[in-house]
Amino acid sequence: DQIICKKLFFRSEHIRREERSKMAKLSTLLAIVLFAFAALSAKAFSPSPAFSSRPSSALGVSIKIDVGEGEPLESALRRFKREVNKSGHLMDLRHKRYFENSQEKVKRKIVQARNRKRLERMQKRRMQNRT
């Protein structure tokens, strides 16, 4: 009985040691895999070189004005506002503030085209009246 118990005890100790070494190997392997995954995911979420040069604004619109020597700040600011309005990106932002379905978008585009044509007609008349 004692011999059988000793053999069983020795065997169970041997199995425990093997399990511990397997667990140690698995935990080491798991740590390596997690470290590699963390390194790859950090690299995956870093900006790629193609996007390293950011545009001047989030919309990619670059508006520049040259301020002349001795030019008042108010007139430079007025010219800047005019350029911003001409670029049209503020209007896009205004329209994207809320969701707009396709039907509303088509209606808005029709109204914009109507206003643009009206403005063109008015400018054409003004030019004719000048001459």
N, C-alpha and C. Protein backbone atom coordinates (compact mmCIF):
# COMPACT_ATOMS: atom_id res chain seq x y z
N ASP A 1 0.82 -1.20 0.00
CA ASP A 1 0.00 0.00 0.00
C ASP A 1 0.86 1.27 0.00
N GLN A 2 1.89 1.23 0.84
CA GLN A 2 2.75 2.41 0.91
C GLN A 2 3.50 2.63 -0.39
N ILE A 3 3.92 1.54 -1.02
CA ILE A 3 4.65 1.66 -2.28
C ILE A 3 3.72 2.23 -3.36
N ILE A 4 2.51 1.76 -3.38
CA ILE A 4 1.54 2.25 -4.37
C ILE A 4 1.24 3.73 -4.12
N CYS A 5 1.09 4.08 -2.86
CA CYS A 5 0.83 5.48 -2.51
C CYS A 5 2.02 6.35 -2.91
N LYS A 6 3.26 5.86 -2.65
CA LYS A 6 4.43 6.63 -3.02
C LYS A 6 4.51 6.80 -4.53
N LYS A 7 4.20 5.70 -5.26
CA LYS A 7 4.24 5.79 -6.72
C LYS A 7 3.18 6.77 -7.22
N LEU A 8 1.99 6.70 -6.63
CA LEU A 8 0.93 7.62 -7.04
C LEU A 8 1.31 9.07 -6.71
N PHE A 9 1.89 9.24 -5.51
CA PHE A 9 2.30 10.58 -5.11
C PHE A 9 3.39 11.10 -6.04
N PHE A 10 4.37 10.24 -6.34
CA PHE A 10 5.45 10.63 -7.24
C PHE A 10 4.90 10.98 -8.62
N ARG A 11 3.96 10.12 -9.04
CA ARG A 11 3.37 10.33 -10.36
C ARG A 11 2.58 11.66 -10.38
N SER A 12 1.82 11.91 -9.32
CA SER A 12 1.04 13.15 -9.28
C SER A 12 1.96 14.37 -9.20
N GLU A 13 3.06 14.24 -8.46
CA GLU A 13 4.04 15.34 -8.40
C GLU A 13 4.66 15.56 -9.77
N HIS A 14 4.99 14.47 -10.47
CA HIS A 14 5.57 14.56 -11.80
C HIS A 14 4.59 15.24 -12.76
N ILE A 15 3.32 14.84 -12.66
CA ILE A 15 2.29 15.43 -13.53
C ILE A 15 2.13 16.91 -13.20
N ARG A 16 2.15 17.26 -11.91
CA ARG A 16 2.03 18.66 -11.51
C ARG A 16 3.20 19.48 -12.06
N ARG A 17 4.40 18.92 -11.97
CA ARG A 17 5.56 19.63 -12.51
C ARG A 17 5.42 19.84 -14.01
N GLU A 18 4.97 18.78 -14.72
CA GLU A 18 4.77 18.90 -16.17
C GLU A 18 3.70 19.95 -16.47
N GLU A 19 2.62 19.94 -15.69
CA GLU A 19 1.56 20.93 -15.90
C GLU A 19 2.07 22.34 -15.63
N ARG A 20 2.88 22.47 -14.57
CA ARG A 20 3.43 23.79 -14.25
C ARG A 20 4.35 24.27 -15.37
N SER A 21 5.18 23.38 -15.88
CA SER A 21 6.07 23.78 -16.96
C SER A 21 5.27 24.10 -18.22
N LYS A 22 4.20 23.32 -18.48
CA LYS A 22 3.34 23.62 -19.63
C LYS A 22 2.66 24.97 -19.43
N MET A 23 2.16 25.21 -18.21
CA MET A 23 1.49 26.48 -17.94
C MET A 23 2.47 27.65 -18.06
N ALA A 24 3.69 27.44 -17.59
CA ALA A 24 4.70 28.49 -17.70
C ALA A 24 5.01 28.78 -19.17
N LYS A 25 5.13 27.72 -19.96
CA LYS A 25 5.39 27.90 -21.39
C LYS A 25 4.21 28.60 -22.06
N LEU A 26 2.98 28.18 -21.70
CA LEU A 26 1.80 28.79 -22.29
C LEU A 26 1.68 30.26 -21.89
N SER A 27 1.95 30.55 -20.63
CA SER A 27 1.84 31.95 -20.19
C SER A 27 2.92 32.80 -20.87
N THR A 28 4.10 32.24 -21.06
CA THR A 28 5.15 32.97 -21.77
C THR A 28 4.74 33.21 -23.22
N LEU A 29 4.22 32.16 -23.84
CA LEU A 29 3.77 32.28 -25.23
C LEU A 29 2.63 33.29 -25.34
N LEU A 30 1.70 33.24 -24.39
CA LEU A 30 0.59 34.19 -24.38
C LEU A 30 1.09 35.62 -24.20
N ALA A 31 2.05 35.81 -23.33
CA ALA A 31 2.62 37.15 -23.13
C ALA A 31 3.28 37.65 -24.40
N ILE A 32 4.00 36.77 -25.09
CA ILE A 32 4.66 37.17 -26.35
C ILE A 32 3.62 37.54 -27.40
N VAL A 33 2.56 36.72 -27.49
CA VAL A 33 1.50 36.99 -28.47
C VAL A 33 0.81 38.31 -28.14
N LEU A 34 0.50 38.54 -26.88
CA LEU A 34 -0.16 39.79 -26.50
C LEU A 34 0.73 41.00 -26.76
N PHE A 35 2.02 40.86 -26.47
CA PHE A 35 2.94 41.95 -26.72
C PHE A 35 3.02 42.25 -28.23
N ALA A 36 3.08 41.20 -29.04
CA ALA A 36 3.14 41.38 -30.49
C ALA A 36 1.85 42.03 -31.00
N PHE A 37 0.72 41.58 -30.45
CA PHE A 37 -0.56 42.15 -30.85
C PHE A 37 -0.64 43.62 -30.46
N ALA A 38 -0.18 43.93 -29.25
CA ALA A 38 -0.20 45.33 -28.81
C ALA A 38 0.69 46.19 -29.70
N ALA A 39 1.85 45.65 -30.06
CA ALA A 39 2.76 46.41 -30.92
C ALA A 39 2.15 46.62 -32.30
N LEU A 40 1.52 45.59 -32.83
CA LEU A 40 0.91 45.72 -34.16
C LEU A 40 -0.30 46.64 -34.13
N SER A 41 -1.12 46.53 -33.07
CA SER A 41 -2.30 47.38 -33.02
C SER A 41 -1.90 48.84 -32.83
N ALA A 42 -0.84 49.09 -32.06
CA ALA A 42 -0.38 50.47 -31.90
C ALA A 42 0.11 51.01 -33.23
N LYS A 43 0.76 50.16 -34.00
CA LYS A 43 1.23 50.59 -35.32
C LYS A 43 0.06 50.77 -36.27
N ALA A 44 -0.97 49.92 -36.12
CA ALA A 44 -2.12 50.00 -37.02
C ALA A 44 -2.90 51.28 -36.80
N PHE A 45 -2.95 51.78 -35.56
CA PHE A 45 -3.74 52.97 -35.29
C PHE A 45 -2.93 54.26 -35.39
N SER A 46 -1.66 54.15 -35.66
CA SER A 46 -0.87 55.36 -35.84
C SER A 46 -1.11 55.88 -37.25
N PRO A 47 -1.07 57.20 -37.44
CA PRO A 47 -1.33 57.73 -38.77
C PRO A 47 -0.27 57.30 -39.77
N SER A 48 -0.74 56.96 -40.94
CA SER A 48 0.21 56.54 -41.97
C SER A 48 0.92 57.76 -42.54
N PRO A 49 2.06 57.57 -43.19
CA PRO A 49 2.80 58.70 -43.73
C PRO A 49 2.01 59.50 -44.77
N ALA A 50 1.04 58.85 -45.42
CA ALA A 50 0.26 59.56 -46.43
C ALA A 50 -0.57 60.67 -45.81
N PHE A 51 -0.94 60.49 -44.53
CA PHE A 51 -1.77 61.47 -43.87
C PHE A 51 -0.98 62.33 -42.89
N SER A 52 0.33 62.28 -42.97
CA SER A 52 1.13 63.04 -42.01
C SER A 52 1.06 64.54 -42.28
N SER A 53 0.95 64.93 -43.53
CA SER A 53 0.83 66.36 -43.81
C SER A 53 -0.65 66.70 -43.80
N ARG A 54 -1.09 67.29 -42.71
CA ARG A 54 -2.51 67.61 -42.55
C ARG A 54 -2.86 68.85 -43.35
N PRO A 55 -4.07 68.88 -43.88
CA PRO A 55 -4.49 70.09 -44.58
C PRO A 55 -4.65 71.24 -43.58
N SER A 56 -4.81 72.45 -44.10
CA SER A 56 -4.89 73.61 -43.24
C SER A 56 -6.13 73.59 -42.36
N SER A 57 -7.18 72.90 -42.78
CA SER A 57 -8.37 72.75 -41.95
C SER A 57 -8.89 71.33 -42.12
N ALA A 58 -9.85 70.98 -41.32
CA ALA A 58 -10.38 69.61 -41.37
C ALA A 58 -11.06 69.34 -42.71
N LEU A 59 -11.52 70.37 -43.38
CA LEU A 59 -12.19 70.19 -44.65
C LEU A 59 -11.23 70.22 -45.83
N GLY A 60 -9.99 70.52 -45.57
CA GLY A 60 -9.02 70.55 -46.65
C GLY A 60 -9.08 71.83 -47.46
N VAL A 61 -9.67 72.88 -46.92
CA VAL A 61 -9.79 74.14 -47.63
C VAL A 61 -8.69 75.06 -47.13
N SER A 62 -7.93 75.59 -48.05
CA SER A 62 -6.84 76.49 -47.69
C SER A 62 -7.17 77.88 -48.20
N ILE A 63 -7.40 78.79 -47.29
CA ILE A 63 -7.75 80.16 -47.67
C ILE A 63 -6.63 81.07 -47.20
N LYS A 64 -6.05 81.80 -48.13
CA LYS A 64 -4.96 82.71 -47.80
C LYS A 64 -5.24 84.08 -48.39
N ILE A 65 -4.89 85.09 -47.64
CA ILE A 65 -4.92 86.44 -48.18
C ILE A 65 -3.59 87.10 -47.83
N ASP A 66 -3.15 87.98 -48.68
CA ASP A 66 -1.93 88.72 -48.43
C ASP A 66 -2.30 90.09 -47.90
N VAL A 67 -1.79 90.40 -46.72
CA VAL A 67 -2.06 91.69 -46.11
C VAL A 67 -0.96 92.64 -46.57
N GLY A 68 -1.39 93.72 -47.21
CA GLY A 68 -0.42 94.69 -47.72
C GLY A 68 0.19 95.51 -46.59
N GLU A 69 1.34 96.07 -46.86
CA GLU A 69 2.00 96.89 -45.86
C GLU A 69 1.20 98.17 -45.64
N GLY A 70 0.87 98.45 -44.40
CA GLY A 70 0.08 99.63 -44.07
C GLY A 70 -1.41 99.43 -44.29
N GLU A 71 -1.84 98.23 -44.67
CA GLU A 71 -3.26 97.97 -44.89
C GLU A 71 -3.96 97.81 -43.54
N PRO A 72 -5.10 98.44 -43.36
CA PRO A 72 -5.80 98.30 -42.08
C PRO A 72 -6.27 96.85 -41.87
N LEU A 73 -6.31 96.46 -40.63
CA LEU A 73 -6.70 95.09 -40.29
C LEU A 73 -8.15 94.82 -40.68
N GLU A 74 -8.99 95.84 -40.57
CA GLU A 74 -10.42 95.66 -40.89
C GLU A 74 -10.62 95.27 -42.35
N SER A 75 -9.88 95.92 -43.24
CA SER A 75 -10.05 95.60 -44.66
C SER A 75 -9.51 94.20 -44.97
N ALA A 76 -8.40 93.81 -44.32
CA ALA A 76 -7.87 92.46 -44.52
C ALA A 76 -8.86 91.42 -43.99
N LEU A 77 -9.47 91.72 -42.85
CA LEU A 77 -10.45 90.80 -42.28
C LEU A 77 -11.68 90.69 -43.19
N ARG A 78 -12.08 91.83 -43.77
CA ARG A 78 -13.22 91.83 -44.69
C ARG A 78 -12.92 90.98 -45.92
N ARG A 79 -11.68 91.11 -46.46
CA ARG A 79 -11.30 90.29 -47.61
C ARG A 79 -11.26 88.82 -47.26
N PHE A 80 -10.78 88.52 -46.04
CA PHE A 80 -10.73 87.13 -45.60
C PHE A 80 -12.13 86.53 -45.50
N LYS A 81 -13.05 87.29 -44.92
CA LYS A 81 -14.44 86.81 -44.80
C LYS A 81 -15.05 86.57 -46.18
N ARG A 82 -14.73 87.45 -47.12
CA ARG A 82 -15.25 87.30 -48.48
C ARG A 82 -14.72 86.01 -49.11
N GLU A 83 -13.43 85.74 -48.92
CA GLU A 83 -12.84 84.50 -49.47
C GLU A 83 -13.45 83.26 -48.83
N VAL A 84 -13.69 83.34 -47.52
CA VAL A 84 -14.31 82.20 -46.82
C VAL A 84 -15.71 81.94 -47.38
N ASN A 85 -16.47 83.02 -47.59
CA ASN A 85 -17.81 82.86 -48.14
C ASN A 85 -17.77 82.32 -49.56
N LYS A 86 -16.77 82.76 -50.35
CA LYS A 86 -16.65 82.27 -51.72
C LYS A 86 -16.31 80.79 -51.78
N SER A 87 -15.52 80.32 -50.80
CA SER A 87 -15.11 78.91 -50.83
C SER A 87 -16.30 77.97 -50.64
N GLY A 88 -17.30 78.41 -49.88
CA GLY A 88 -18.52 77.62 -49.75
C GLY A 88 -18.47 76.52 -48.72
N HIS A 89 -17.36 76.32 -48.04
CA HIS A 89 -17.31 75.20 -47.10
C HIS A 89 -18.10 75.48 -45.83
N LEU A 90 -18.33 76.74 -45.49
CA LEU A 90 -19.18 77.02 -44.33
C LEU A 90 -20.63 76.63 -44.60
N MET A 91 -21.06 76.83 -45.83
CA MET A 91 -22.43 76.41 -46.18
C MET A 91 -22.55 74.89 -46.10
N ASP A 92 -21.52 74.18 -46.56
CA ASP A 92 -21.55 72.72 -46.45
C ASP A 92 -21.63 72.29 -45.00
N LEU A 93 -20.86 72.94 -44.15
CA LEU A 93 -20.92 72.62 -42.72
C LEU A 93 -22.30 72.89 -42.16
N ARG A 94 -22.89 73.98 -42.58
CA ARG A 94 -24.23 74.31 -42.09
C ARG A 94 -25.24 73.25 -42.51
N HIS A 95 -25.10 72.74 -43.73
CA HIS A 95 -26.05 71.73 -44.20
C HIS A 95 -25.78 70.37 -43.59
N LYS A 96 -24.54 70.11 -43.20
CA LYS A 96 -24.23 68.82 -42.59
C LYS A 96 -24.43 68.81 -41.08
N ARG A 97 -24.88 69.94 -40.53
CA ARG A 97 -25.10 70.00 -39.09
C ARG A 97 -26.19 69.01 -38.67
N TYR A 98 -27.21 68.88 -39.50
CA TYR A 98 -28.31 67.94 -39.24
C TYR A 98 -28.42 66.99 -40.42
N PHE A 99 -29.01 65.83 -40.17
CA PHE A 99 -29.17 64.86 -41.25
C PHE A 99 -30.17 65.40 -42.26
N GLU A 100 -29.85 65.20 -43.52
CA GLU A 100 -30.70 65.68 -44.61
C GLU A 100 -30.91 64.51 -45.57
N ASN A 101 -32.15 64.06 -45.70
CA ASN A 101 -32.37 62.93 -46.61
C ASN A 101 -32.28 63.40 -48.05
N SER A 102 -32.34 62.45 -48.97
CA SER A 102 -32.06 62.76 -50.38
C SER A 102 -33.11 63.71 -50.96
N GLN A 103 -34.36 63.58 -50.53
CA GLN A 103 -35.40 64.45 -51.06
C GLN A 103 -35.17 65.90 -50.63
N GLU A 104 -34.82 66.09 -49.37
CA GLU A 104 -34.53 67.44 -48.88
C GLU A 104 -33.31 68.02 -49.57
N LYS A 105 -32.34 67.16 -49.83
CA LYS A 105 -31.12 67.62 -50.51
C LYS A 105 -31.43 68.09 -51.93
N VAL A 106 -32.27 67.33 -52.64
CA VAL A 106 -32.64 67.71 -54.01
C VAL A 106 -33.39 69.03 -53.99
N LYS A 107 -34.30 69.19 -53.02
CA LYS A 107 -35.05 70.45 -52.94
C LYS A 107 -34.12 71.63 -52.67
N ARG A 108 -33.18 71.42 -51.76
CA ARG A 108 -32.23 72.49 -51.44
C ARG A 108 -31.38 72.85 -52.66
N LYS A 109 -30.95 71.83 -53.41
CA LYS A 109 -30.14 72.09 -54.60
C LYS A 109 -30.94 72.87 -55.65
N ILE A 110 -32.22 72.55 -55.77
CA ILE A 110 -33.07 73.27 -56.74
C ILE A 110 -33.19 74.73 -56.35
N VAL A 111 -33.42 74.98 -55.05
CA VAL A 111 -33.53 76.36 -54.57
C VAL A 111 -32.20 77.10 -54.77
N GLN A 112 -31.08 76.43 -54.51
CA GLN A 112 -29.78 77.05 -54.71
C GLN A 112 -29.56 77.40 -56.18
N ALA A 113 -29.94 76.51 -57.07
CA ALA A 113 -29.77 76.76 -58.50
C ALA A 113 -30.64 77.94 -58.92
N ARG A 114 -31.86 78.00 -58.39
CA ARG A 114 -32.76 79.11 -58.73
C ARG A 114 -32.16 80.44 -58.28
N ASN A 115 -31.64 80.46 -57.06
CA ASN A 115 -31.03 81.70 -56.55
C ASN A 115 -29.78 82.08 -57.34
N ARG A 116 -29.00 81.08 -57.72
CA ARG A 116 -27.79 81.35 -58.50
C ARG A 116 -28.14 81.95 -59.87
N LYS A 117 -29.16 81.37 -60.52
CA LYS A 117 -29.58 81.89 -61.82
C LYS A 117 -30.11 83.32 -61.68
N ARG A 118 -30.86 83.56 -60.61
CA ARG A 118 -31.39 84.89 -60.37
C ARG A 118 -30.26 85.91 -60.18
N LEU A 119 -29.24 85.52 -59.42
CA LEU A 119 -28.10 86.40 -59.19
C LEU A 119 -27.34 86.66 -60.49
N GLU A 120 -27.21 85.62 -61.31
CA GLU A 120 -26.53 85.80 -62.60
C GLU A 120 -27.30 86.75 -63.50
N ARG A 121 -28.64 86.63 -63.51
CA ARG A 121 -29.46 87.54 -64.32
C ARG A 121 -29.31 88.98 -63.84
N MET A 122 -29.30 89.14 -62.50
CA MET A 122 -29.16 90.50 -61.95
C MET A 122 -27.80 91.10 -62.32
N GLN A 123 -26.75 90.31 -62.23
CA GLN A 123 -25.42 90.80 -62.58
C GLN A 123 -25.32 91.12 -64.06
N LYS A 124 -25.98 90.31 -64.88
CA LYS A 124 -25.98 90.55 -66.33
C LYS A 124 -26.67 91.87 -66.65
N ARG A 125 -27.80 92.14 -65.98
CA ARG A 125 -28.51 93.40 -66.19
C ARG A 125 -27.66 94.59 -65.75
N ARG A 126 -26.99 94.43 -64.61
CA ARG A 126 -26.13 95.51 -64.13
C ARG A 126 -25.02 95.83 -65.14
N MET A 127 -24.44 94.79 -65.70
CA MET A 127 -23.36 94.99 -66.67
C MET A 127 -23.88 95.66 -67.93
N GLN A 128 -25.12 95.32 -68.34
CA GLN A 128 -25.72 95.94 -69.52
C GLN A 128 -26.03 97.40 -69.25
N ASN A 129 -26.48 97.71 -68.02
CA ASN A 129 -26.83 99.07 -67.68
C ASN A 129 -25.59 99.96 -67.59
N ARG A 130 -24.42 99.39 -67.29
CA ARG A 130 -23.18 100.17 -67.18
C ARG A 130 -22.75 100.70 -68.54
N THR A 131 -22.99 99.92 -69.59
CA THR A 131 -22.51 100.33 -70.92
C THR A 131 -23.51 101.15 -71.67
